[in-house]
Amino acid sequence: MPNYRIIVDLSDRMLYLLDNNTVVRGFPVGIGTILTQTPEGVYTIVNKAPNPGGPFGAYWMGLSRPHYGIHGTNDPTSIGKQVSHGCIRMHNQDVIQLANLVSIGTSVTIRQ
């Protein structure tokens, strides 16, 4: 059984899925603006919801820091940019793939 964890690298705007310490997937992400930065730290996924509606695209995975999450988007041009209110945005097909691999309780490290 895989031992997944997630690292979000804000400097290269990538989300990495690791099994133990090996990167198995990398996905481009959109991150928070200068004024609404994505918070650095170590969190866990606390909930998952397909088709949450609105700007959250095809999937929502909430983090242990309230009001922050990893989610899809209804604006694919925003991926790779500093555009969100602090959440981590992914292409819809990417967030669905990720959500199918990770479970509630998965560690998410956000770093520069």
Protein backbone atom coordinates (compact mmCIF):
# COMPACT_ATOMS: atom_id res chain seq x y z
CA MET A 1 0.00 0.00 0.00
CA PRO A 2 1.45 3.39 -0.96
CA ASN A 3 2.48 5.87 1.72
CA TYR A 4 1.45 9.09 -0.01
CA ARG A 5 2.18 12.64 1.03
CA ILE A 6 1.95 15.93 -0.84
CA ILE A 7 4.46 18.75 -1.14
CA VAL A 8 3.36 22.06 -2.66
CA ASP A 9 6.38 24.05 -3.82
CA LEU A 10 5.29 27.68 -4.07
CA SER A 11 8.49 28.82 -5.80
CA ASP A 12 7.98 26.60 -8.83
CA ARG A 13 4.17 26.47 -8.52
CA MET A 14 4.08 22.69 -8.51
CA LEU A 15 2.33 20.08 -6.38
CA TYR A 16 4.27 16.86 -5.93
CA LEU A 17 2.78 13.53 -4.88
CA LEU A 18 5.32 11.40 -3.04
CA ASP A 19 5.20 7.74 -2.09
CA ASN A 20 7.50 7.56 0.94
CA ASN A 21 10.26 9.91 -0.33
CA THR A 22 9.92 9.28 -4.06
CA VAL A 23 8.08 11.75 -6.31
CA VAL A 24 5.54 9.76 -8.31
CA ARG A 25 3.61 12.67 -9.90
CA GLY A 26 4.00 16.40 -10.38
CA PHE A 27 1.17 18.79 -11.21
CA PRO A 28 1.24 22.52 -12.06
CA VAL A 29 -0.79 24.65 -9.64
CA GLY A 30 -2.10 28.16 -9.16
CA ILE A 31 -1.34 29.73 -5.77
CA GLY A 32 -2.27 32.74 -3.67
CA THR A 33 -1.53 36.33 -4.63
CA ILE A 34 0.99 38.52 -2.83
CA LEU A 35 -1.84 39.88 -0.65
CA THR A 36 -3.61 36.54 -0.10
CA GLN A 37 -0.66 34.17 0.09
CA THR A 38 -0.89 30.42 0.29
CA PRO A 39 0.06 29.63 3.91
CA GLU A 40 3.30 27.73 4.43
CA GLY A 41 3.27 24.85 6.88
CA VAL A 42 2.31 21.22 7.34
CA TYR A 43 -1.38 20.36 7.15
CA THR A 44 -3.55 17.33 6.50
CA ILE A 45 -6.44 16.69 4.16
CA VAL A 46 -9.56 16.78 6.36
CA ASN A 47 -12.36 16.40 3.80
CA LYS A 48 -12.97 15.62 0.16
CA ALA A 49 -15.92 16.62 -2.03
CA PRO A 50 -16.50 15.93 -5.73
CA ASN A 51 -18.23 18.66 -7.75
CA PRO A 52 -18.33 21.32 -4.99
CA GLY A 53 -19.65 23.91 -7.44
CA GLY A 54 -18.66 27.47 -8.22
CA PRO A 55 -15.00 28.33 -8.74
CA PHE A 56 -13.78 25.10 -7.11
CA GLY A 57 -13.97 23.03 -10.29
CA ALA A 58 -14.34 19.27 -10.26
CA TYR A 59 -13.08 18.49 -6.73
CA TRP A 60 -12.36 20.04 -3.32
CA MET A 61 -9.93 18.67 -0.72
CA GLY A 62 -10.02 20.75 2.44
CA LEU A 63 -6.90 21.26 4.55
CA SER A 64 -6.58 21.23 8.33
CA ARG A 65 -6.11 25.01 8.09
CA PRO A 66 -9.72 26.24 7.85
CA HIS A 67 -10.86 27.85 4.58
CA TYR A 68 -7.87 26.51 2.63
CA GLY A 69 -7.80 23.60 0.24
CA ILE A 70 -6.62 21.96 -2.93
CA HIS A 71 -9.23 22.23 -5.64
CA GLY A 72 -10.00 22.33 -9.34
CA THR A 73 -10.88 25.50 -11.18
CA ASN A 74 -13.38 26.92 -13.63
CA ASP A 75 -10.53 29.05 -15.07
CA PRO A 76 -7.77 26.76 -16.42
CA THR A 77 -5.72 29.79 -17.52
CA SER A 78 -5.08 30.55 -13.82
CA ILE A 79 -2.89 27.47 -13.32
CA GLY A 80 0.77 28.42 -12.84
CA LYS A 81 -0.09 31.93 -11.67
CA GLN A 82 -0.49 33.80 -8.37
CA VAL A 83 -4.24 34.28 -8.53
CA SER A 84 -6.09 32.56 -5.68
CA HIS A 85 -7.10 33.71 -2.21
CA GLY A 86 -4.56 31.26 -0.80
CA CYS A 87 -5.90 27.92 -2.00
CA ILE A 88 -4.03 25.59 -4.32
CA ARG A 89 -5.71 25.40 -7.73
CA MET A 90 -5.25 22.48 -10.10
CA HIS A 91 -6.51 21.53 -13.53
CA ASN A 92 -9.76 19.60 -13.06
CA GLN A 93 -8.44 16.36 -14.54
CA ASP A 94 -5.35 16.61 -12.28
CA VAL A 95 -7.31 17.23 -9.06
CA ILE A 96 -9.56 14.25 -9.82
CA GLN A 97 -6.51 12.01 -10.34
CA LEU A 98 -4.96 13.26 -7.10
CA ALA A 99 -8.19 12.89 -5.12
CA ASN A 100 -8.51 9.29 -6.29
CA LEU A 101 -5.01 8.52 -4.97
CA VAL A 102 -4.89 10.27 -1.60
CA SER A 103 -7.08 9.76 1.44
CA ILE A 104 -8.29 11.93 4.28
CA GLY A 105 -5.38 12.32 6.69
CA THR A 106 -2.75 12.66 3.92
CA SER A 107 0.02 15.10 4.91
CA VAL A 108 0.33 18.29 2.84
CA THR A 109 3.51 20.36 3.20
CA ILE A 110 3.42 23.86 1.69
CA ARG A 111 6.83 25.51 1.33
CA GLN A 112 8.71 28.18 -0.64
